[in-house]
Amino acid sequence: MGEDIKSLSDLDVVSTEDTAAVEIVAPRVAVRDDLGRSYATGKRKDAVARVWIKPGSGKIVVNDKEMNGYFARPVLQMILKQPFQVAGVEDQFDVKATVKGGGLSGQAGAVKHGISKALQLYDPSLRAALKSAGFLTRDSRVVERKKFGKRKARRSFQFSKR
């Protein structure tokens, strides 16, 4: 009982076959096409955005229109610029996006999600900043469906005693 154990090999419990099952995590590599662009799909509510980014002067084109022409409200334009501000790469990338479905607010959120995903694919070192800001997570909130016997999703018809 008073034996001294100097290493794990004295125990004869751990074998070399058991330690071979350890997974090796490969470092993230940049994903770009032949033209030097990165592509990602962003989603928010019912809107789906396909986004391509490439190095440039900061020009953002959505559905073949300038960002100011498509998203007229300053709040929506600010939403599109957030990933670049968080990553610290303002006016360094050109964005081309096509977006379908939903309203303007959902479309702006979808393009923002797509830009964030494409940025981290283009330069994996930006992933930490984008992830900590929550831009890589898809906002899963969607409109609740209308139930039968109800006026809306949860609103009941007005009660009438007589």
N, C-alpha and C. Protein backbone atom coordinates (compact mmCIF):
# COMPACT_ATOMS: atom_id res chain seq x y z
N MET A 1 0.79 -1.18 0.00
CA MET A 1 0.00 0.00 0.00
C MET A 1 0.84 1.26 0.00
N GLY A 2 2.01 1.20 0.49
CA GLY A 2 2.86 2.36 0.58
C GLY A 2 3.76 2.52 -0.63
N GLU A 3 3.33 2.04 -1.82
CA GLU A 3 4.16 2.14 -3.01
C GLU A 3 4.14 3.57 -3.53
N ASP A 4 5.29 4.06 -3.98
CA ASP A 4 5.37 5.39 -4.57
C ASP A 4 5.12 5.30 -6.07
N ILE A 5 4.26 6.17 -6.55
CA ILE A 5 3.94 6.23 -7.98
C ILE A 5 4.63 7.46 -8.54
N LYS A 6 5.52 7.23 -9.49
CA LYS A 6 6.30 8.33 -10.04
C LYS A 6 5.78 8.81 -11.40
N SER A 7 5.02 7.98 -12.13
CA SER A 7 4.48 8.39 -13.42
C SER A 7 3.21 7.59 -13.71
N LEU A 8 2.50 7.99 -14.75
CA LEU A 8 1.28 7.30 -15.13
C LEU A 8 1.56 5.90 -15.66
N SER A 9 2.72 5.68 -16.18
CA SER A 9 3.04 4.35 -16.72
C SER A 9 3.13 3.31 -15.60
N ASP A 10 3.37 3.76 -14.36
CA ASP A 10 3.39 2.84 -13.22
C ASP A 10 2.01 2.30 -12.90
N LEU A 11 0.95 3.04 -13.30
CA LEU A 11 -0.41 2.61 -12.98
C LEU A 11 -0.93 1.54 -13.92
N ASP A 12 -0.43 1.47 -15.14
CA ASP A 12 -0.91 0.54 -16.17
C ASP A 12 -2.39 0.72 -16.46
N VAL A 13 -2.90 1.93 -16.33
CA VAL A 13 -4.32 2.19 -16.60
C VAL A 13 -4.48 2.84 -17.97
N VAL A 14 -3.63 3.79 -18.29
CA VAL A 14 -3.72 4.53 -19.54
C VAL A 14 -2.88 3.81 -20.59
N SER A 15 -3.53 3.45 -21.69
CA SER A 15 -2.79 2.83 -22.78
C SER A 15 -2.64 3.81 -23.93
N THR A 16 -1.72 3.57 -24.82
CA THR A 16 -1.47 4.49 -25.94
C THR A 16 -2.61 4.46 -26.94
N GLU A 17 -3.39 3.37 -27.00
CA GLU A 17 -4.50 3.30 -27.95
C GLU A 17 -5.61 4.26 -27.54
N ASP A 18 -5.83 4.47 -26.24
CA ASP A 18 -6.88 5.36 -25.77
C ASP A 18 -6.58 6.82 -26.08
N THR A 19 -5.35 7.22 -26.04
CA THR A 19 -5.00 8.62 -26.27
C THR A 19 -4.96 8.98 -27.74
N ALA A 20 -5.04 8.01 -28.65
CA ALA A 20 -5.00 8.29 -30.08
C ALA A 20 -6.33 8.85 -30.58
N ALA A 21 -7.38 8.78 -29.78
CA ALA A 21 -8.70 9.24 -30.20
C ALA A 21 -8.89 10.75 -30.02
N VAL A 22 -7.87 11.47 -29.58
CA VAL A 22 -7.97 12.91 -29.37
C VAL A 22 -8.08 13.60 -30.74
N GLU A 23 -9.08 14.51 -30.87
CA GLU A 23 -9.28 15.20 -32.14
C GLU A 23 -8.30 16.35 -32.27
N ILE A 24 -7.83 16.55 -33.47
CA ILE A 24 -6.93 17.66 -33.75
C ILE A 24 -7.75 18.71 -34.50
N VAL A 25 -7.84 19.92 -33.94
CA VAL A 25 -8.62 21.00 -34.54
C VAL A 25 -7.73 21.78 -35.49
N ALA A 26 -8.16 21.85 -36.76
CA ALA A 26 -7.38 22.58 -37.75
C ALA A 26 -7.65 24.08 -37.61
N PRO A 27 -6.66 24.92 -37.84
CA PRO A 27 -6.91 26.37 -37.78
C PRO A 27 -7.80 26.80 -38.94
N ARG A 28 -8.55 27.86 -38.71
CA ARG A 28 -9.45 28.37 -39.75
C ARG A 28 -8.64 28.99 -40.88
N VAL A 29 -9.08 28.73 -42.11
CA VAL A 29 -8.41 29.30 -43.27
C VAL A 29 -9.39 30.19 -44.02
N ALA A 30 -8.85 31.16 -44.74
CA ALA A 30 -9.69 32.07 -45.51
C ALA A 30 -10.34 31.33 -46.67
N VAL A 31 -11.62 31.64 -46.93
CA VAL A 31 -12.36 31.02 -48.02
C VAL A 31 -12.68 32.11 -49.03
N ARG A 32 -12.03 32.04 -50.20
CA ARG A 32 -12.24 33.04 -51.25
C ARG A 32 -12.35 32.33 -52.59
N ASP A 33 -13.10 32.95 -53.53
CA ASP A 33 -13.23 32.36 -54.86
C ASP A 33 -12.12 32.87 -55.78
N ASP A 34 -12.22 32.55 -57.07
CA ASP A 34 -11.18 32.92 -58.02
C ASP A 34 -11.02 34.43 -58.18
N LEU A 35 -12.09 35.19 -57.91
CA LEU A 35 -12.05 36.64 -58.05
C LEU A 35 -11.67 37.34 -56.76
N GLY A 36 -11.30 36.58 -55.72
CA GLY A 36 -10.90 37.17 -54.45
C GLY A 36 -12.05 37.60 -53.58
N ARG A 37 -13.24 37.03 -53.81
CA ARG A 37 -14.43 37.40 -53.03
C ARG A 37 -14.76 36.30 -52.02
N SER A 38 -15.45 36.70 -50.97
CA SER A 38 -16.02 35.72 -50.03
C SER A 38 -17.53 35.84 -50.10
N TYR A 39 -18.20 34.69 -49.99
CA TYR A 39 -19.66 34.63 -50.11
C TYR A 39 -20.26 34.07 -48.84
N ALA A 40 -21.40 34.62 -48.45
CA ALA A 40 -22.14 34.09 -47.30
C ALA A 40 -23.62 34.39 -47.47
N THR A 41 -24.43 33.62 -46.78
CA THR A 41 -25.88 33.81 -46.78
C THR A 41 -26.30 34.29 -45.40
N GLY A 42 -27.05 35.39 -45.38
CA GLY A 42 -27.55 35.92 -44.11
C GLY A 42 -29.06 35.80 -44.06
N LYS A 43 -29.61 35.59 -42.86
CA LYS A 43 -31.05 35.43 -42.71
C LYS A 43 -31.54 36.21 -41.51
N ARG A 44 -32.76 36.75 -41.62
CA ARG A 44 -33.42 37.44 -40.52
C ARG A 44 -34.91 37.47 -40.84
N LYS A 45 -35.74 37.00 -39.90
CA LYS A 45 -37.19 36.87 -40.11
C LYS A 45 -37.42 36.07 -41.39
N ASP A 46 -38.13 36.65 -42.37
CA ASP A 46 -38.38 35.93 -43.62
C ASP A 46 -37.42 36.34 -44.73
N ALA A 47 -36.47 37.21 -44.44
CA ALA A 47 -35.56 37.73 -45.46
C ALA A 47 -34.31 36.86 -45.57
N VAL A 48 -33.87 36.64 -46.80
CA VAL A 48 -32.65 35.88 -47.08
C VAL A 48 -31.77 36.74 -47.97
N ALA A 49 -30.51 36.93 -47.56
CA ALA A 49 -29.58 37.77 -48.31
C ALA A 49 -28.39 36.95 -48.76
N ARG A 50 -28.03 37.10 -50.03
CA ARG A 50 -26.79 36.51 -50.55
C ARG A 50 -25.78 37.65 -50.66
N VAL A 51 -24.62 37.48 -50.01
CA VAL A 51 -23.67 38.59 -49.88
C VAL A 51 -22.30 38.17 -50.38
N TRP A 52 -21.70 39.02 -51.23
CA TRP A 52 -20.32 38.85 -51.68
C TRP A 52 -19.54 40.06 -51.21
N ILE A 53 -18.35 39.83 -50.63
CA ILE A 53 -17.48 40.96 -50.26
C ILE A 53 -16.12 40.77 -50.93
N LYS A 54 -15.51 41.91 -51.27
CA LYS A 54 -14.17 41.90 -51.85
C LYS A 54 -13.48 43.19 -51.43
N PRO A 55 -12.17 43.23 -51.44
CA PRO A 55 -11.47 44.47 -51.06
C PRO A 55 -11.86 45.61 -51.99
N GLY A 56 -12.06 46.78 -51.41
CA GLY A 56 -12.48 47.93 -52.22
C GLY A 56 -12.53 49.20 -51.39
N SER A 57 -13.46 50.08 -51.77
CA SER A 57 -13.52 51.41 -51.16
C SER A 57 -14.68 51.58 -50.20
N GLY A 58 -15.43 50.54 -49.89
CA GLY A 58 -16.55 50.64 -48.95
C GLY A 58 -17.89 50.84 -49.61
N LYS A 59 -18.00 50.53 -50.89
CA LYS A 59 -19.26 50.70 -51.62
C LYS A 59 -20.18 49.51 -51.34
N ILE A 60 -21.43 49.79 -50.98
CA ILE A 60 -22.40 48.74 -50.68
C ILE A 60 -23.53 48.82 -51.68
N VAL A 61 -23.76 47.72 -52.43
CA VAL A 61 -24.82 47.66 -53.44
C VAL A 61 -25.78 46.55 -53.04
N VAL A 62 -27.06 46.90 -52.92
CA VAL A 62 -28.09 45.93 -52.54
C VAL A 62 -29.12 45.89 -53.66
N ASN A 63 -29.33 44.71 -54.23
CA ASN A 63 -30.27 44.52 -55.35
C ASN A 63 -30.03 45.54 -56.46
N ASP A 64 -28.78 45.71 -56.86
CA ASP A 64 -28.36 46.61 -57.93
C ASP A 64 -28.66 48.07 -57.67
N LYS A 65 -28.85 48.45 -56.41
CA LYS A 65 -29.04 49.85 -56.03
C LYS A 65 -28.02 50.20 -54.96
N GLU A 66 -27.64 51.46 -54.91
CA GLU A 66 -26.76 51.93 -53.83
C GLU A 66 -27.47 51.73 -52.50
N MET A 67 -26.68 51.59 -51.44
CA MET A 67 -27.27 51.38 -50.12
C MET A 67 -28.22 52.53 -49.75
N ASN A 68 -27.85 53.77 -50.06
CA ASN A 68 -28.69 54.92 -49.73
C ASN A 68 -30.01 54.89 -50.48
N GLY A 69 -30.01 54.32 -51.69
CA GLY A 69 -31.23 54.26 -52.48
C GLY A 69 -32.15 53.13 -52.04
N TYR A 70 -31.59 52.01 -51.59
CA TYR A 70 -32.41 50.87 -51.21
C TYR A 70 -32.89 51.00 -49.76
N PHE A 71 -31.96 51.29 -48.85
CA PHE A 71 -32.31 51.50 -47.45
C PHE A 71 -32.25 53.00 -47.17
N ALA A 72 -33.39 53.68 -47.30
CA ALA A 72 -33.42 55.14 -47.20
C ALA A 72 -33.27 55.60 -45.75
N ARG A 73 -33.74 54.81 -44.79
CA ARG A 73 -33.69 55.23 -43.39
C ARG A 73 -32.25 55.14 -42.85
N PRO A 74 -31.79 56.15 -42.14
CA PRO A 74 -30.42 56.13 -41.60
C PRO A 74 -30.17 54.97 -40.63
N VAL A 75 -31.21 54.55 -39.91
CA VAL A 75 -31.06 53.45 -38.96
C VAL A 75 -30.68 52.16 -39.69
N LEU A 76 -31.31 51.92 -40.83
CA LEU A 76 -31.02 50.71 -41.60
C LEU A 76 -29.61 50.77 -42.19
N GLN A 77 -29.18 51.95 -42.61
CA GLN A 77 -27.82 52.12 -43.13
C GLN A 77 -26.80 51.88 -42.02
N MET A 78 -27.13 52.32 -40.80
CA MET A 78 -26.23 52.11 -39.66
C MET A 78 -26.10 50.62 -39.36
N ILE A 79 -27.21 49.89 -39.49
CA ILE A 79 -27.20 48.44 -39.23
C ILE A 79 -26.22 47.75 -40.19
N LEU A 80 -26.21 48.17 -41.46
CA LEU A 80 -25.33 47.55 -42.45
C LEU A 80 -23.85 47.85 -42.17
N LYS A 81 -23.56 48.98 -41.56
CA LYS A 81 -22.17 49.38 -41.32
C LYS A 81 -21.61 48.80 -40.03
N GLN A 82 -22.46 48.28 -39.15
CA GLN A 82 -22.01 47.79 -37.85
C GLN A 82 -20.91 46.72 -37.92
N PRO A 83 -21.03 45.68 -38.78
CA PRO A 83 -19.97 44.66 -38.80
C PRO A 83 -18.59 45.24 -39.14
N PHE A 84 -18.55 46.20 -40.04
CA PHE A 84 -17.27 46.81 -40.43
C PHE A 84 -16.68 47.61 -39.27
N GLN A 85 -17.54 48.33 -38.52
CA GLN A 85 -17.07 49.13 -37.39
C GLN A 85 -16.53 48.24 -36.29
N VAL A 86 -17.24 47.15 -36.00
CA VAL A 86 -16.81 46.24 -34.92
C VAL A 86 -15.49 45.57 -35.29
N ALA A 87 -15.36 45.17 -36.58
CA ALA A 87 -14.14 44.50 -37.03
C ALA A 87 -12.99 45.48 -37.27
N GLY A 88 -13.30 46.78 -37.35
CA GLY A 88 -12.27 47.78 -37.57
C GLY A 88 -11.77 47.83 -39.00
N VAL A 89 -12.63 47.52 -39.96
CA VAL A 89 -12.23 47.51 -41.38
C VAL A 89 -13.18 48.39 -42.21
N GLU A 90 -13.53 49.57 -41.68
CA GLU A 90 -14.43 50.46 -42.40
C GLU A 90 -13.80 50.93 -43.71
N ASP A 91 -14.62 51.02 -44.76
CA ASP A 91 -14.21 51.50 -46.08
C ASP A 91 -13.07 50.69 -46.69
N GLN A 92 -12.98 49.39 -46.36
CA GLN A 92 -11.96 48.54 -46.95
C GLN A 92 -12.55 47.44 -47.83
N PHE A 93 -13.88 47.24 -47.77
CA PHE A 93 -14.51 46.17 -48.54
C PHE A 93 -15.71 46.70 -49.31
N ASP A 94 -15.86 46.20 -50.54
CA ASP A 94 -17.06 46.45 -51.33
C ASP A 94 -18.01 45.29 -51.11
N VAL A 95 -19.31 45.60 -51.04
CA VAL A 95 -20.33 44.59 -50.78
C VAL A 95 -21.33 44.59 -51.92
N LYS A 96 -21.65 43.40 -52.41
CA LYS A 96 -22.74 43.23 -53.37
C LYS A 96 -23.69 42.22 -52.76
N ALA A 97 -24.95 42.62 -52.59
CA ALA A 97 -25.92 41.75 -51.93
C ALA A 97 -27.20 41.69 -52.73
N THR A 98 -27.81 40.51 -52.76
CA THR A 98 -29.17 40.37 -53.28
C THR A 98 -30.00 39.82 -52.13
N VAL A 99 -31.14 40.46 -51.89
CA VAL A 99 -31.96 40.08 -50.74
C VAL A 99 -33.41 39.93 -51.19
N LYS A 100 -34.07 38.90 -50.65
CA LYS A 100 -35.46 38.62 -50.99
C LYS A 100 -36.24 38.33 -49.72
N GLY A 101 -37.53 38.61 -49.77
CA GLY A 101 -38.43 38.26 -48.68
C GLY A 101 -38.41 39.26 -47.55
N GLY A 102 -39.49 39.25 -46.77
CA GLY A 102 -39.56 40.08 -45.59
C GLY A 102 -39.70 41.55 -45.91
N GLY A 103 -39.58 42.37 -44.88
CA GLY A 103 -39.65 43.82 -45.04
C GLY A 103 -38.26 44.43 -44.99
N LEU A 104 -38.20 45.75 -44.99
CA LEU A 104 -36.91 46.43 -45.03
C LEU A 104 -36.08 46.15 -43.79
N SER A 105 -36.70 46.13 -42.62
CA SER A 105 -35.96 45.89 -41.39
C SER A 105 -35.35 44.48 -41.37
N GLY A 106 -36.14 43.49 -41.75
CA GLY A 106 -35.63 42.12 -41.82
C GLY A 106 -34.55 41.97 -42.87
N GLN A 107 -34.71 42.67 -44.00
CA GLN A 107 -33.71 42.60 -45.06
C GLN A 107 -32.40 43.23 -44.61
N ALA A 108 -32.47 44.34 -43.87
CA ALA A 108 -31.25 44.96 -43.36
C ALA A 108 -30.55 44.01 -42.38
N GLY A 109 -31.31 43.34 -41.54
CA GLY A 109 -30.72 42.38 -40.61
C GLY A 109 -30.11 41.20 -41.32
N ALA A 110 -30.74 40.75 -42.42
CA ALA A 110 -30.21 39.63 -43.19
C ALA A 110 -28.90 40.01 -43.88
N VAL A 111 -28.83 41.22 -44.45
CA VAL A 111 -27.61 41.67 -45.10
C VAL A 111 -26.49 41.82 -44.07
N LYS A 112 -26.83 42.34 -42.89
CA LYS A 112 -25.82 42.47 -41.81
C LYS A 112 -25.28 41.10 -41.41
N HIS A 113 -26.16 40.12 -41.28
CA HIS A 113 -25.74 38.77 -40.92
C HIS A 113 -24.84 38.19 -42.02
N GLY A 114 -25.21 38.40 -43.29
CA GLY A 114 -24.41 37.91 -44.41
C GLY A 114 -23.04 38.58 -44.48
N ILE A 115 -23.00 39.90 -44.23
CA ILE A 115 -21.72 40.62 -44.25
C ILE A 115 -20.80 40.08 -43.15
N SER A 116 -21.36 39.85 -41.97
CA SER A 116 -20.56 39.35 -40.85
C SER A 116 -19.97 37.98 -41.16
N LYS A 117 -20.81 37.10 -41.71
CA LYS A 117 -20.32 35.76 -42.04
C LYS A 117 -19.27 35.80 -43.14
N ALA A 118 -19.48 36.66 -44.15
CA ALA A 118 -18.52 36.77 -45.24
C ALA A 118 -17.20 37.37 -44.76
N LEU A 119 -17.26 38.34 -43.86
CA LEU A 119 -16.03 38.94 -43.32
C LEU A 119 -15.18 37.92 -42.58
N GLN A 120 -15.82 37.08 -41.77
CA GLN A 120 -15.04 36.10 -41.02
C GLN A 120 -14.53 34.98 -41.93
N LEU A 121 -15.19 34.76 -43.07
CA LEU A 121 -14.64 33.80 -44.04
C LEU A 121 -13.46 34.41 -44.79
N TYR A 122 -13.55 35.72 -45.09
CA TYR A 122 -12.48 36.39 -45.82
C TYR A 122 -11.23 36.49 -44.96
N ASP A 123 -11.41 36.88 -43.69
CA ASP A 123 -10.28 37.04 -42.77
C ASP A 123 -10.65 36.41 -41.43
N PRO A 124 -10.23 35.17 -41.17
CA PRO A 124 -10.61 34.48 -39.93
C PRO A 124 -10.18 35.19 -38.64
N SER A 125 -9.24 36.12 -38.72
CA SER A 125 -8.81 36.83 -37.50
C SER A 125 -9.89 37.79 -37.01
N LEU A 126 -10.87 38.14 -37.87
CA LEU A 126 -11.95 39.04 -37.48
C LEU A 126 -13.07 38.31 -36.74
N ARG A 127 -13.00 36.98 -36.71
CA ARG A 127 -14.09 36.18 -36.15
C ARG A 127 -14.36 36.49 -34.67
N ALA A 128 -13.32 36.67 -33.88
CA ALA A 128 -13.50 36.89 -32.44
C ALA A 128 -14.32 38.16 -32.17
N ALA A 129 -13.99 39.25 -32.86
CA ALA A 129 -14.71 40.51 -32.64
C ALA A 129 -16.17 40.39 -33.08
N LEU A 130 -16.40 39.77 -34.24
CA LEU A 130 -17.76 39.63 -34.76
C LEU A 130 -18.59 38.70 -33.88
N LYS A 131 -17.97 37.62 -33.40
CA LYS A 131 -18.70 36.66 -32.57
C LYS A 131 -19.06 37.27 -31.22
N SER A 132 -18.13 38.03 -30.62
CA SER A 132 -18.41 38.63 -29.32
C SER A 132 -19.50 39.69 -29.42
N ALA A 133 -19.63 40.34 -30.59
CA ALA A 133 -20.69 41.32 -30.79
C ALA A 133 -22.03 40.64 -31.11
N GLY A 134 -22.01 39.33 -31.39
CA GLY A 134 -23.24 38.59 -31.66
C GLY A 134 -23.71 38.67 -33.10
N PHE A 135 -22.83 39.08 -34.02
CA PHE A 135 -23.24 39.25 -35.41
C PHE A 135 -23.23 37.95 -36.21
N LEU A 136 -22.59 36.90 -35.71
CA LEU A 136 -22.54 35.64 -36.45
C LEU A 136 -23.70 34.72 -36.09
N THR A 137 -24.48 35.08 -35.10
CA THR A 137 -25.62 34.27 -34.68
C THR A 137 -26.86 34.72 -35.42
N ARG A 138 -27.58 33.77 -35.98
CA ARG A 138 -28.81 34.09 -36.70
C ARG A 138 -29.90 34.39 -35.67
N ASP A 139 -30.56 35.52 -35.83
CA ASP A 139 -31.65 35.89 -34.93
C ASP A 139 -32.85 35.03 -35.29
N SER A 140 -33.20 34.08 -34.43
CA SER A 140 -34.20 33.08 -34.78
C SER A 140 -35.63 33.53 -34.53
N ARG A 141 -35.82 34.77 -34.10
CA ARG A 141 -37.19 35.24 -33.83
C ARG A 141 -37.94 35.45 -35.15
N VAL A 142 -39.07 34.79 -35.28
CA VAL A 142 -39.92 34.95 -36.46
C VAL A 142 -41.34 35.21 -36.00
N VAL A 143 -42.19 35.64 -36.91
CA VAL A 143 -43.57 35.95 -36.58
C VAL A 143 -44.31 34.67 -36.21
N GLU A 144 -45.04 34.73 -35.11
CA GLU A 144 -45.81 33.57 -34.65
C GLU A 144 -47.03 33.37 -35.55
N ARG A 145 -47.37 32.13 -35.82
CA ARG A 145 -48.48 31.87 -36.73
C ARG A 145 -49.81 32.13 -36.06
N LYS A 146 -50.82 32.42 -36.89
CA LYS A 146 -52.16 32.66 -36.38
C LYS A 146 -52.83 31.33 -36.06
N LYS A 147 -53.44 31.25 -34.87
CA LYS A 147 -54.14 30.02 -34.48
C LYS A 147 -55.63 30.15 -34.79
N PHE A 148 -56.28 29.02 -35.08
CA PHE A 148 -57.72 29.05 -35.34
C PHE A 148 -58.45 29.38 -34.04
N GLY A 149 -59.60 30.06 -34.17
CA GLY A 149 -60.36 30.46 -32.98
C GLY A 149 -59.81 31.70 -32.32
N LYS A 150 -58.79 32.29 -32.91
CA LYS A 150 -58.20 33.53 -32.38
C LYS A 150 -58.23 34.60 -33.46
N ARG A 151 -58.17 35.87 -33.00
CA ARG A 151 -58.18 36.97 -33.95
C ARG A 151 -56.81 37.14 -34.59
N LYS A 152 -55.78 36.99 -33.77
CA LYS A 152 -54.40 37.04 -34.27
C LYS A 152 -53.70 35.81 -33.71
N ALA A 153 -52.38 35.89 -33.50
CA ALA A 153 -51.66 34.73 -32.99
C ALA A 153 -52.14 34.36 -31.59
N ARG A 154 -52.32 35.37 -30.73
CA ARG A 154 -52.75 35.10 -29.35
C ARG A 154 -54.00 35.87 -28.95
N ARG A 155 -54.31 36.94 -29.64
CA ARG A 155 -55.43 37.81 -29.30
C ARG A 155 -56.74 37.09 -29.54
N SER A 156 -57.59 37.08 -28.50
CA SER A 156 -58.91 36.45 -28.63
C SER A 156 -59.91 37.46 -29.15
N PHE A 157 -61.04 36.95 -29.61
CA PHE A 157 -62.13 37.83 -30.01
C PHE A 157 -62.68 38.51 -28.76
N GLN A 158 -63.26 39.69 -28.93
CA GLN A 158 -63.77 40.43 -27.78
C GLN A 158 -64.94 39.67 -27.16
N PHE A 159 -64.88 39.53 -25.83
CA PHE A 159 -65.93 38.81 -25.11
C PHE A 159 -67.17 39.69 -25.01
N SER A 160 -68.33 39.10 -25.28
CA SER A 160 -69.59 39.81 -25.17
C SER A 160 -70.51 39.02 -24.24
N LYS A 161 -70.92 39.63 -23.16
CA LYS A 161 -71.77 38.92 -22.20
C LYS A 161 -73.18 38.74 -22.79
N ARG A 162 -73.67 39.73 -23.54
CA ARG A 162 -74.99 39.62 -24.19
C ARG A 162 -74.89 39.89 -25.65
